[in-house]
């Protein structure tokens, strides 16, 4: 079992407005908001820990919150949910306490974590939503991208961050059409069951899912996630 209090302690040390948007199995789910220093900012959503056995996304979110984002805050406001599935994180399991894969459940509000996230987001619209994940079966990273205007930037992102680690060359195996090697479309066949497809339909014109290989060291995985985020932000 992992110690969730270590995440909470790191969040409490960050001088950023934070609130608990709900509790599941007595574990709090936090949301932080980094307000832009200008009136012309774009909203960006960052999420991690939808699957509890994928800790690198949570680590990447924490590192993002802990670093100096002064320059980015001249252009962006960030809404951040560091760990959507605290129970899964503590118990090192993909699912929540009811054995449900949260990332296949956004078409209902019967799942506690889903209801909490939906309520917290309200009607907020984002220029970009990015969800950090990892994959136990690959040795390289890959991305999913959904963009309503279909002007995809995933290939540029992948080419930029491949210095951190290699691109995965295997097929995604999820009927996701290729955009480029290691970059796949968020498929319409997914409906709105997953967090990113749900956000693309209701909250954002652009979504990215990052997938890093679990065989990489934690720091390398976190660096890849942040590299994708920073590269995507240059587009805006």
C-alpha atoms as a PDB file:
ATOM      1  CA  UNK A   1       0.000   0.000   0.000  1.00  0.00           C
ATOM      2  CA  UNK A   2       1.142   3.535  -0.816  1.00  0.00           C
ATOM      3  CA  UNK A   3       0.918   6.434   1.623  1.00  0.00           C
ATOM      4  CA  UNK A   4      -1.569   8.985   0.291  1.00  0.00           C
ATOM      5  CA  UNK A   5      -0.656  11.389   3.091  1.00  0.00           C
ATOM      6  CA  UNK A   6       2.655  12.003   1.306  1.00  0.00           C
ATOM      7  CA  UNK A   7       0.737  13.483  -1.629  1.00  0.00           C
ATOM      8  CA  UNK A   8      -1.415  15.565   0.702  1.00  0.00           C
ATOM      9  CA  UNK A   9       1.699  16.825   2.519  1.00  0.00           C
ATOM     10  CA  UNK A  10       3.279  17.942  -0.760  1.00  0.00           C
ATOM     11  CA  UNK A  11       0.073  19.701  -1.791  1.00  0.00           C
ATOM     12  CA  UNK A  12      -0.180  21.477   1.553  1.00  0.00           C
ATOM     13  CA  UNK A  13       3.324  22.898   1.095  1.00  0.00           C
ATOM     14  CA  UNK A  14       2.372  24.518  -2.193  1.00  0.00           C
ATOM     15  CA  UNK A  15       1.185  28.118  -1.936  1.00  0.00           C
ATOM     16  CA  UNK A  16      -1.657  27.658  -4.419  1.00  0.00           C
ATOM     17  CA  UNK A  17      -5.392  27.877  -3.620  1.00  0.00           C
ATOM     18  CA  UNK A  18      -6.656  24.345  -3.060  1.00  0.00           C
ATOM     19  CA  UNK A  19      -9.945  22.786  -2.110  1.00  0.00           C
ATOM     20  CA  UNK A  20     -11.253  19.314  -1.430  1.00  0.00           C
ATOM     21  CA  UNK A  21     -13.905  18.633  -4.060  1.00  0.00           C
ATOM     22  CA  UNK A  22     -15.008  15.342  -2.533  1.00  0.00           C
ATOM     23  CA  UNK A  23     -14.002  12.271  -0.565  1.00  0.00           C
ATOM     24  CA  UNK A  24     -14.104   8.613  -1.581  1.00  0.00           C
ATOM     25  CA  UNK A  25     -13.320   5.853   0.934  1.00  0.00           C
ATOM     26  CA  UNK A  26     -12.222   8.655   3.306  1.00  0.00           C
ATOM     27  CA  UNK A  27      -9.569   9.846   0.836  1.00  0.00           C
ATOM     28  CA  UNK A  28      -9.866  13.498  -0.257  1.00  0.00           C
ATOM     29  CA  UNK A  29      -9.779  14.492  -3.912  1.00  0.00           C
ATOM     30  CA  UNK A  30      -8.143  17.890  -4.370  1.00  0.00           C
ATOM     31  CA  UNK A  31      -8.461  20.618  -6.978  1.00  0.00           C
ATOM     32  CA  UNK A  32      -5.982  23.454  -7.320  1.00  0.00           C
ATOM     33  CA  UNK A  33      -6.394  26.583  -9.406  1.00  0.00           C
ATOM     34  CA  UNK A  34      -3.436  28.625 -10.626  1.00  0.00           C
ATOM     35  CA  UNK A  35      -4.858  31.970 -11.691  1.00  0.00           C
ATOM     36  CA  UNK A  36      -3.320  33.858 -14.571  1.00  0.00           C
ATOM     37  CA  UNK A  37      -1.746  37.237 -13.918  1.00  0.00           C
ATOM     38  CA  UNK A  38      -3.527  38.663 -17.003  1.00  0.00           C
ATOM     39  CA  UNK A  39      -7.104  39.014 -18.215  1.00  0.00           C
ATOM     40  CA  UNK A  40      -6.467  37.284 -21.548  1.00  0.00           C
ATOM     41  CA  UNK A  41      -5.572  33.841 -20.304  1.00  0.00           C
ATOM     42  CA  UNK A  42      -6.655  30.463 -21.620  1.00  0.00           C
ATOM     43  CA  UNK A  43      -7.919  27.722 -19.292  1.00  0.00           C
ATOM     44  CA  UNK A  44      -5.881  24.513 -19.119  1.00  0.00           C
ATOM     45  CA  UNK A  45      -6.965  21.347 -17.272  1.00  0.00           C
ATOM     46  CA  UNK A  46      -4.383  18.875 -15.953  1.00  0.00           C
ATOM     47  CA  UNK A  47      -5.383  15.533 -14.396  1.00  0.00           C
ATOM     48  CA  UNK A  48      -3.523  12.509 -13.058  1.00  0.00           C
ATOM     49  CA  UNK A  49      -4.175   9.317 -11.164  1.00  0.00           C
ATOM     50  CA  UNK A  50      -7.387   8.228 -12.885  1.00  0.00           C
ATOM     51  CA  UNK A  51      -5.828   4.771 -12.778  1.00  0.00           C
ATOM     52  CA  UNK A  52      -4.382   4.232  -9.319  1.00  0.00           C
ATOM     53  CA  UNK A  53      -1.582   1.945 -10.483  1.00  0.00           C
ATOM     54  CA  UNK A  54      -0.105   4.693 -12.705  1.00  0.00           C
ATOM     55  CA  UNK A  55       1.776   6.905 -10.222  1.00  0.00           C
ATOM     56  CA  UNK A  56       3.943   8.771 -12.729  1.00  0.00           C
ATOM     57  CA  UNK A  57       1.043  11.000 -13.754  1.00  0.00           C
ATOM     58  CA  UNK A  58       0.499  12.059 -10.157  1.00  0.00           C
ATOM     59  CA  UNK A  59       4.214  12.712  -9.734  1.00  0.00           C
ATOM     60  CA  UNK A  60       4.219  14.831 -12.889  1.00  0.00           C
ATOM     61  CA  UNK A  61       1.283  16.892 -11.614  1.00  0.00           C
ATOM     62  CA  UNK A  62       2.997  17.439  -8.265  1.00  0.00           C
ATOM     63  CA  UNK A  63       6.221  18.521  -9.966  1.00  0.00           C
ATOM     64  CA  UNK A  64       4.246  20.919 -12.146  1.00  0.00           C
ATOM     65  CA  UNK A  65       2.634  22.469  -9.075  1.00  0.00           C
ATOM     66  CA  UNK A  66       5.946  22.673  -7.217  1.00  0.00           C
ATOM     67  CA  UNK A  67       7.902  24.388  -9.987  1.00  0.00           C
ATOM     68  CA  UNK A  68       7.951  28.109 -10.877  1.00  0.00           C
ATOM     69  CA  UNK A  69       5.210  28.714 -13.470  1.00  0.00           C
ATOM     70  CA  UNK A  70       5.382  32.510 -13.397  1.00  0.00           C
ATOM     71  CA  UNK A  71       5.898  32.883 -17.153  1.00  0.00           C
ATOM     72  CA  UNK A  72       3.126  30.426 -18.017  1.00  0.00           C
ATOM     73  CA  UNK A  73       0.713  32.254 -15.726  1.00  0.00           C
ATOM     74  CA  UNK A  74       1.023  35.328 -17.936  1.00  0.00           C
ATOM     75  CA  UNK A  75      -0.936  33.387 -20.568  1.00  0.00           C
ATOM     76  CA  UNK A  76      -2.762  30.535 -18.827  1.00  0.00           C
ATOM     77  CA  UNK A  77      -4.995  29.688 -15.898  1.00  0.00           C
ATOM     78  CA  UNK A  78      -4.562  26.084 -14.766  1.00  0.00           C
ATOM     79  CA  UNK A  79      -7.139  23.849 -13.111  1.00  0.00           C
ATOM     80  CA  UNK A  80      -5.411  20.797 -11.663  1.00  0.00           C
ATOM     81  CA  UNK A  81      -6.749  17.567 -10.155  1.00  0.00           C
ATOM     82  CA  UNK A  82      -3.617  15.677  -9.040  1.00  0.00           C
ATOM     83  CA  UNK A  83      -5.222  12.333  -8.156  1.00  0.00           C
ATOM     84  CA  UNK A  84      -8.691  11.382  -9.366  1.00  0.00           C
ATOM     85  CA  UNK A  85      -8.527   7.888  -7.828  1.00  0.00           C
ATOM     86  CA  UNK A  86      -6.907   8.049  -4.358  1.00  0.00           C
ATOM     87  CA  UNK A  87      -8.124   4.583  -3.340  1.00  0.00           C
ATOM     88  CA  UNK A  88      -6.556   3.071  -6.444  1.00  0.00           C
ATOM     89  CA  UNK A  89      -3.311   4.908  -5.779  1.00  0.00           C
ATOM     90  CA  UNK A  90      -3.093   3.690  -2.187  1.00  0.00           C
ATOM     91  CA  UNK A  91      -3.905   0.088  -3.130  1.00  0.00           C
ATOM     92  CA  UNK A  92      -1.910   0.088  -6.401  1.00  0.00           C
ATOM     93  CA  UNK A  93      -4.911  -0.878  -8.471  1.00  0.00           C
ATOM     94  CA  UNK A  94      -6.298   0.445 -11.747  1.00  0.00           C
ATOM     95  CA  UNK A  95      -9.865   0.507 -10.401  1.00  0.00           C
ATOM     96  CA  UNK A  96     -11.581   2.301  -7.540  1.00  0.00           C
ATOM     97  CA  UNK A  97     -12.791   0.709  -4.301  1.00  0.00           C
ATOM     98  CA  UNK A  98     -15.784  -0.828  -6.095  1.00  0.00           C
ATOM     99  CA  UNK A  99     -13.590  -2.460  -8.729  1.00  0.00           C
ATOM    100  CA  UNK A 100     -14.716   0.044 -11.384  1.00  0.00           C
ATOM    101  CA  UNK A 101     -12.432   1.503 -14.033  1.00  0.00           C
ATOM    102  CA  UNK A 102     -13.169   5.219 -13.675  1.00  0.00           C
ATOM    103  CA  UNK A 103     -11.830   5.850 -17.164  1.00  0.00           C
ATOM    104  CA  UNK A 104     -14.665   3.773 -18.622  1.00  0.00           C
ATOM    105  CA  UNK A 105     -17.400   5.355 -16.532  1.00  0.00           C
ATOM    106  CA  UNK A 106     -17.891   9.008 -17.530  1.00  0.00           C
ATOM    107  CA  UNK A 107     -21.224   8.287 -19.211  1.00  0.00           C
ATOM    108  CA  UNK A 108     -22.767   7.858 -15.762  1.00  0.00           C
ATOM    109  CA  UNK A 109     -22.763   9.808 -12.509  1.00  0.00           C
ATOM    110  CA  UNK A 110     -23.255   6.725 -10.356  1.00  0.00           C
ATOM    111  CA  UNK A 111     -19.492   6.416  -9.812  1.00  0.00           C
ATOM    112  CA  UNK A 112     -18.407   8.653  -6.941  1.00  0.00           C
ATOM    113  CA  UNK A 113     -15.153   9.869  -8.493  1.00  0.00           C
ATOM    114  CA  UNK A 114     -16.907  10.651 -11.777  1.00  0.00           C
ATOM    115  CA  UNK A 115     -19.668  12.617 -10.043  1.00  0.00           C
ATOM    116  CA  UNK A 116     -17.098  14.580  -8.049  1.00  0.00           C
ATOM    117  CA  UNK A 117     -15.067  15.544 -11.122  1.00  0.00           C
ATOM    118  CA  UNK A 118     -18.138  16.492 -13.145  1.00  0.00           C
ATOM    119  CA  UNK A 119     -19.493  18.695 -10.364  1.00  0.00           C
ATOM    120  CA  UNK A 120     -16.118  20.369  -9.844  1.00  0.00           C
ATOM    121  CA  UNK A 121     -15.738  21.219 -13.530  1.00  0.00           C
ATOM    122  CA  UNK A 122     -19.254  22.601 -13.795  1.00  0.00           C
ATOM    123  CA  UNK A 123     -19.569  24.446 -17.097  1.00  0.00           C
ATOM    124  CA  UNK A 124     -15.910  25.455 -17.345  1.00  0.00           C
ATOM    125  CA  UNK A 125     -14.451  25.394 -20.845  1.00  0.00           C
ATOM    126  CA  UNK A 126     -10.778  24.684 -21.535  1.00  0.00           C
ATOM    127  CA  UNK A 127      -8.452  25.388 -24.433  1.00  0.00           C
ATOM    128  CA  UNK A 128      -6.594  22.170 -23.600  1.00  0.00           C
ATOM    129  CA  UNK A 129      -7.174  19.243 -21.256  1.00  0.00           C
ATOM    130  CA  UNK A 130      -4.318  16.799 -20.651  1.00  0.00           C
ATOM    131  CA  UNK A 131      -4.625  13.524 -18.753  1.00  0.00           C
ATOM    132  CA  UNK A 132      -1.460  11.685 -17.625  1.00  0.00           C
ATOM    133  CA  UNK A 133      -1.378   7.863 -17.858  1.00  0.00           C
ATOM    134  CA  UNK A 134       1.138   5.036 -18.182  1.00  0.00           C
ATOM    135  CA  UNK A 135       1.281   1.617 -19.821  1.00  0.00           C
ATOM    136  CA  UNK A 136       2.696  -1.608 -18.368  1.00  0.00           C
ATOM    137  CA  UNK A 137       3.069  -3.302 -21.734  1.00  0.00           C
ATOM    138  CA  UNK A 138       5.191  -0.865 -23.743  1.00  0.00           C
ATOM    139  CA  UNK A 139       8.808   0.253 -23.776  1.00  0.00           C
ATOM    140  CA  UNK A 140       8.160   3.627 -25.418  1.00  0.00           C
ATOM    141  CA  UNK A 141       5.738   6.505 -24.950  1.00  0.00           C
ATOM    142  CA  UNK A 142       2.678   7.322 -27.039  1.00  0.00           C
ATOM    143  CA  UNK A 143      -0.148   9.863 -27.134  1.00  0.00           C
ATOM    144  CA  UNK A 144      -3.829  10.065 -27.880  1.00  0.00           C
ATOM    145  CA  UNK A 145      -5.090  13.362 -29.231  1.00  0.00           C
ATOM    146  CA  UNK A 146      -8.562  14.715 -29.836  1.00  0.00           C
ATOM    147  CA  UNK A 147      -8.967  18.082 -31.525  1.00  0.00           C
ATOM    148  CA  UNK A 148     -12.239  19.371 -32.860  1.00  0.00           C
ATOM    149  CA  UNK A 149     -10.628  21.185 -35.789  1.00  0.00           C
ATOM    150  CA  UNK A 150      -8.452  18.103 -36.506  1.00  0.00           C
ATOM    151  CA  UNK A 151      -5.355  20.299 -36.776  1.00  0.00           C
ATOM    152  CA  UNK A 152      -3.300  17.833 -34.751  1.00  0.00           C
ATOM    153  CA  UNK A 153      -0.089  18.803 -32.961  1.00  0.00           C
ATOM    154  CA  UNK A 154       0.686  15.357 -31.553  1.00  0.00           C
ATOM    155  CA  UNK A 155       3.344  14.526 -34.168  1.00  0.00           C
ATOM    156  CA  UNK A 156       5.239  17.721 -33.354  1.00  0.00           C
ATOM    157  CA  UNK A 157       4.955  17.016 -29.649  1.00  0.00           C
ATOM    158  CA  UNK A 158       6.193  13.434 -30.040  1.00  0.00           C
ATOM    159  CA  UNK A 159       9.143  14.559 -32.125  1.00  0.00           C
ATOM    160  CA  UNK A 160      10.077  17.192 -29.537  1.00  0.00           C
ATOM    161  CA  UNK A 161       9.934  14.976 -26.435  1.00  0.00           C
ATOM    162  CA  UNK A 162      11.471  11.826 -27.929  1.00  0.00           C
ATOM    163  CA  UNK A 163      14.812  13.030 -26.554  1.00  0.00           C
ATOM    164  CA  UNK A 164      13.432  12.055 -23.115  1.00  0.00           C
ATOM    165  CA  UNK A 165      12.660   8.507 -24.255  1.00  0.00           C
ATOM    166  CA  UNK A 166      11.742   6.558 -27.393  1.00  0.00           C
ATOM    167  CA  UNK A 167       8.361   6.576 -29.102  1.00  0.00           C
ATOM    168  CA  UNK A 168       6.427   3.311 -28.931  1.00  0.00           C
ATOM    169  CA  UNK A 169       6.297   1.637 -32.333  1.00  0.00           C
ATOM    170  CA  UNK A 170       3.550  -0.906 -31.617  1.00  0.00           C
ATOM    171  CA  UNK A 171      -0.092  -0.495 -32.632  1.00  0.00           C
ATOM    172  CA  UNK A 172      -2.302   0.881 -29.864  1.00  0.00           C
ATOM    173  CA  UNK A 173      -4.646  -2.109 -30.134  1.00  0.00           C
ATOM    174  CA  UNK A 174      -7.700   0.020 -29.324  1.00  0.00           C
ATOM    175  CA  UNK A 175      -9.040   0.781 -32.808  1.00  0.00           C
ATOM    176  CA  UNK A 176      -7.650   4.290 -32.509  1.00  0.00           C
ATOM    177  CA  UNK A 177      -6.721   5.673 -35.955  1.00  0.00           C
ATOM    178  CA  UNK A 178      -3.088   6.654 -36.409  1.00  0.00           C
ATOM    179  CA  UNK A 179      -2.177  10.319 -36.714  1.00  0.00           C
ATOM    180  CA  UNK A 180       1.537   9.517 -36.788  1.00  0.00           C
ATOM    181  CA  UNK A 181       3.840   6.951 -35.241  1.00  0.00           C
ATOM    182  CA  UNK A 182       3.024   6.858 -31.553  1.00  0.00           C
ATOM    183  CA  UNK A 183       0.175   9.359 -31.931  1.00  0.00           C
ATOM    184  CA  UNK A 184      -3.447   8.178 -32.132  1.00  0.00           C
ATOM    185  CA  UNK A 185      -6.803   9.876 -32.447  1.00  0.00           C
ATOM    186  CA  UNK A 186      -9.244   9.861 -29.575  1.00  0.00           C
ATOM    187  CA  UNK A 187     -11.707   7.631 -31.435  1.00  0.00           C
ATOM    188  CA  UNK A 188     -15.368   8.574 -31.797  1.00  0.00           C
ATOM    189  CA  UNK A 189     -16.191   4.931 -31.061  1.00  0.00           C
ATOM    190  CA  UNK A 190     -15.140   5.528 -27.465  1.00  0.00           C
ATOM    191  CA  UNK A 191     -18.192   7.701 -26.883  1.00  0.00           C
ATOM    192  CA  UNK A 192     -17.792   9.697 -23.669  1.00  0.00           C
ATOM    193  CA  UNK A 193     -16.876   6.822 -21.349  1.00  0.00           C
ATOM    194  CA  UNK A 194     -13.281   7.962 -20.798  1.00  0.00           C
ATOM    195  CA  UNK A 195     -12.279  11.203 -19.110  1.00  0.00           C
ATOM    196  CA  UNK A 196     -10.577  12.687 -22.182  1.00  0.00           C
ATOM    197  CA  UNK A 197     -13.400  11.845 -24.632  1.00  0.00           C
ATOM    198  CA  UNK A 198     -15.894  13.227 -22.108  1.00  0.00           C
ATOM    199  CA  UNK A 199     -13.903  16.451 -21.847  1.00  0.00           C
ATOM    200  CA  UNK A 200     -13.608  16.701 -25.628  1.00  0.00           C
ATOM    201  CA  UNK A 201     -17.377  16.434 -25.958  1.00  0.00           C
ATOM    202  CA  UNK A 202     -18.381  18.770 -23.128  1.00  0.00           C
ATOM    203  CA  UNK A 203     -15.475  20.892 -21.897  1.00  0.00           C
ATOM    204  CA  UNK A 204     -12.559  21.256 -24.312  1.00  0.00           C
ATOM    205  CA  UNK A 205     -11.822  21.613 -28.017  1.00  0.00           C
ATOM    206  CA  UNK A 206      -8.498  19.847 -27.533  1.00  0.00           C
ATOM    207  CA  UNK A 207      -7.510  16.878 -25.353  1.00  0.00           C
ATOM    208  CA  UNK A 208      -4.313  14.878 -24.991  1.00  0.00           C
ATOM    209  CA  UNK A 209      -3.688  11.595 -23.178  1.00  0.00           C
ATOM    210  CA  UNK A 210      -0.049  10.816 -22.454  1.00  0.00           C
ATOM    211  CA  UNK A 211       1.059   7.204 -21.988  1.00  0.00           C
ATOM    212  CA  UNK A 212       4.519   6.466 -20.587  1.00  0.00           C
ATOM    213  CA  UNK A 213       5.992   2.971 -20.158  1.00  0.00           C
ATOM    214  CA  UNK A 214       6.074   1.754 -16.570  1.00  0.00           C
ATOM    215  CA  UNK A 215       9.472   0.137 -17.223  1.00  0.00           C
ATOM    216  CA  UNK A 216      11.034   3.610 -17.304  1.00  0.00           C
ATOM    217  CA  UNK A 217      12.216   5.143 -14.014  1.00  0.00           C
ATOM    218  CA  UNK A 218       9.572   7.290 -12.322  1.00  0.00           C
ATOM    219  CA  UNK A 219      11.487  10.521 -12.888  1.00  0.00           C
ATOM    220  CA  UNK A 220      11.818   9.827 -16.612  1.00  0.00           C
ATOM    221  CA  UNK A 221       8.086   9.137 -16.914  1.00  0.00           C
ATOM    222  CA  UNK A 222       7.220  12.331 -15.070  1.00  0.00           C
ATOM    223  CA  UNK A 223       9.617  14.298 -17.272  1.00  0.00           C
ATOM    224  CA  UNK A 224       7.945  12.936 -20.399  1.00  0.00           C
ATOM    225  CA  UNK A 225       4.495  13.962 -19.166  1.00  0.00           C
ATOM    226  CA  UNK A 226       5.707  17.471 -18.377  1.00  0.00           C
ATOM    227  CA  UNK A 227       7.552  17.657 -21.686  1.00  0.00           C
ATOM    228  CA  UNK A 228       4.331  16.912 -23.547  1.00  0.00           C
ATOM    229  CA  UNK A 229       2.459  19.514 -21.511  1.00  0.00           C
ATOM    230  CA  UNK A 230       5.041  22.236 -22.059  1.00  0.00           C
ATOM    231  CA  UNK A 231       5.332  21.498 -25.770  1.00  0.00           C
ATOM    232  CA  UNK A 232       1.550  21.589 -26.176  1.00  0.00           C
ATOM    233  CA  UNK A 233       1.364  24.924 -24.364  1.00  0.00           C
ATOM    234  CA  UNK A 234       3.743  26.502 -26.893  1.00  0.00           C
ATOM    235  CA  UNK A 235       1.023  25.912 -29.490  1.00  0.00           C
ATOM    236  CA  UNK A 236      -1.247  28.286 -27.556  1.00  0.00           C
END
